Amino acid sequence: MATLEEINSQIKKHDEQISQLRRQAETLRNQERSSVIEEVRKKIAEYGISASDLKLSGRSVGRRGAAGAAARTVKYRGPAGETWSGGRGRKPRWVTEALAAGKSLSDFEV
């Protein structure tokens, strides 16, 4: 039977591996995103598509626009990949559960 110290050591090791894998996934996603953007630009040039053809305005396409994107800056990432900006209001469930389990917000800083 494993001791609590051994189990905690294994958890820490796995948390580090998870963190490393998440960083790798983010890097791959950014690389993939870059190639998709390049492909879309080529198609736009090839077919002479304009922003009005796509019904795009000069603003961000996202639901909240540029101001919402700034307000949603990720400051904390949970164990299952959840994110939180640390803003005002209620904390997400994963944050309250982690705090109740003895963790601190600094454990989840990005």
Protein backbone atom coordinates (compact mmCIF):
# COMPACT_ATOMS: atom_id res chain seq x y z
CA MET A 1 0.00 0.00 0.00
CA ALA A 2 1.34 3.43 -0.99
CA THR A 3 1.88 6.15 1.55
CA LEU A 4 0.22 9.55 1.35
CA GLU A 5 3.58 11.12 0.50
CA GLU A 6 4.07 8.70 -2.42
CA ILE A 7 0.58 9.37 -3.71
CA ASN A 8 1.07 13.14 -3.47
CA SER A 9 4.38 12.78 -5.31
CA GLN A 10 2.67 10.84 -8.08
CA ILE A 11 -0.11 13.42 -8.29
CA LYS A 12 2.45 16.23 -8.58
CA LYS A 13 4.32 14.32 -11.30
CA HIS A 14 1.10 13.73 -13.25
CA ASP A 15 0.02 17.36 -12.81
CA GLU A 16 3.34 18.46 -14.31
CA GLN A 17 2.87 16.05 -17.22
CA ILE A 18 -0.68 17.32 -17.76
CA SER A 19 0.55 20.90 -17.74
CA GLN A 20 3.28 20.06 -20.26
CA LEU A 21 0.77 18.27 -22.52
CA ARG A 22 -1.61 21.23 -22.35
CA ARG A 23 1.22 23.57 -23.40
CA GLN A 24 2.07 21.24 -26.30
CA ALA A 25 -1.60 21.11 -27.34
CA GLU A 26 -1.81 24.90 -27.24
CA THR A 27 1.33 25.19 -29.39
CA LEU A 28 -0.06 22.70 -31.92
CA ARG A 29 -3.39 24.51 -31.99
CA ASN A 30 -1.67 27.82 -32.66
CA GLN A 31 0.37 26.23 -35.47
CA GLU A 32 -2.76 24.67 -36.95
CA ARG A 33 -4.61 27.98 -36.63
CA SER A 34 -1.81 29.77 -38.51
CA SER A 35 -1.99 27.32 -41.39
CA VAL A 36 -5.80 27.59 -41.54
CA ILE A 37 -5.57 31.39 -41.62
CA GLU A 38 -3.02 31.21 -44.45
CA GLU A 39 -5.24 28.80 -46.38
CA VAL A 40 -8.28 31.06 -45.95
CA ARG A 41 -6.27 34.10 -47.10
CA LYS A 42 -5.22 32.24 -50.24
CA LYS A 43 -8.82 31.29 -51.01
CA ILE A 44 -9.99 34.86 -50.41
CA ALA A 45 -7.37 36.15 -52.84
CA GLU A 46 -8.06 33.37 -55.37
CA TYR A 47 -11.81 34.02 -55.46
CA GLY A 48 -11.70 37.79 -54.86
CA ILE A 49 -13.86 37.55 -51.74
CA SER A 50 -14.40 40.74 -49.73
CA ALA A 51 -15.37 41.32 -46.11
CA SER A 52 -18.82 42.44 -47.26
CA ASP A 53 -19.23 39.14 -49.19
CA LEU A 54 -18.65 37.39 -45.89
CA LYS A 55 -20.89 39.88 -44.08
CA LEU A 56 -18.02 40.93 -41.83
CA SER A 57 -17.72 44.37 -40.31
CA GLY A 58 -14.50 46.02 -39.17
CA ARG A 59 -15.15 44.71 -35.65
CA SER A 60 -14.13 41.43 -34.12
CA VAL A 61 -16.26 38.48 -35.18
CA GLY A 62 -16.48 37.07 -31.64
CA ARG A 63 -19.64 37.27 -29.57
CA ARG A 64 -18.36 40.03 -27.30
CA GLY A 65 -15.93 41.82 -29.59
CA ALA A 66 -12.55 43.19 -28.61
CA ALA A 67 -13.67 44.59 -25.23
CA GLY A 68 -15.04 41.19 -24.20
CA ALA A 69 -11.83 39.47 -25.23
CA ALA A 70 -9.79 41.79 -23.00
CA ALA A 71 -12.17 41.19 -20.11
CA ARG A 72 -11.82 37.41 -20.53
CA THR A 73 -8.05 37.23 -20.17
CA VAL A 74 -7.31 33.88 -18.58
CA LYS A 75 -5.53 34.18 -15.24
CA TYR A 76 -6.31 30.74 -13.81
CA ARG A 77 -6.54 27.26 -15.36
CA GLY A 78 -8.19 24.36 -13.56
CA PRO A 79 -7.12 20.72 -13.41
CA ALA A 80 -9.43 19.73 -16.27
CA GLY A 81 -8.54 22.73 -18.46
CA GLU A 82 -11.23 25.06 -17.16
CA THR A 83 -10.34 28.73 -17.26
CA TRP A 84 -11.26 31.76 -15.17
CA SER A 85 -10.34 35.41 -15.54
CA GLY A 86 -10.48 36.05 -11.79
CA GLY A 87 -13.04 38.78 -12.28
CA ARG A 88 -15.75 39.99 -9.98
CA GLY A 89 -18.72 37.83 -9.12
CA ARG A 90 -19.05 34.20 -8.11
CA LYS A 91 -16.07 31.96 -8.48
CA PRO A 92 -16.49 28.95 -10.76
CA ARG A 93 -17.31 25.65 -9.06
CA TRP A 94 -13.88 24.16 -9.78
CA VAL A 95 -12.27 27.12 -7.97
CA THR A 96 -14.49 26.90 -4.89
CA GLU A 97 -14.00 23.13 -4.69
CA ALA A 98 -10.23 23.45 -5.00
CA LEU A 99 -10.10 26.16 -2.34
CA ALA A 100 -12.23 24.01 -0.03
CA ALA A 101 -9.78 21.15 -0.61
CA GLY A 102 -6.92 23.30 0.68
CA LYS A 103 -5.48 24.56 -2.61
CA SER A 104 -4.76 28.23 -3.25
CA LEU A 105 -5.41 30.38 -6.31
CA SER A 106 -1.66 30.59 -6.92
CA ASP A 107 -1.73 26.84 -7.66
CA PHE A 108 -3.81 27.59 -10.78
CA GLU A 109 -2.17 30.77 -12.10
CA VAL A 110 -1.38 30.71 -15.80
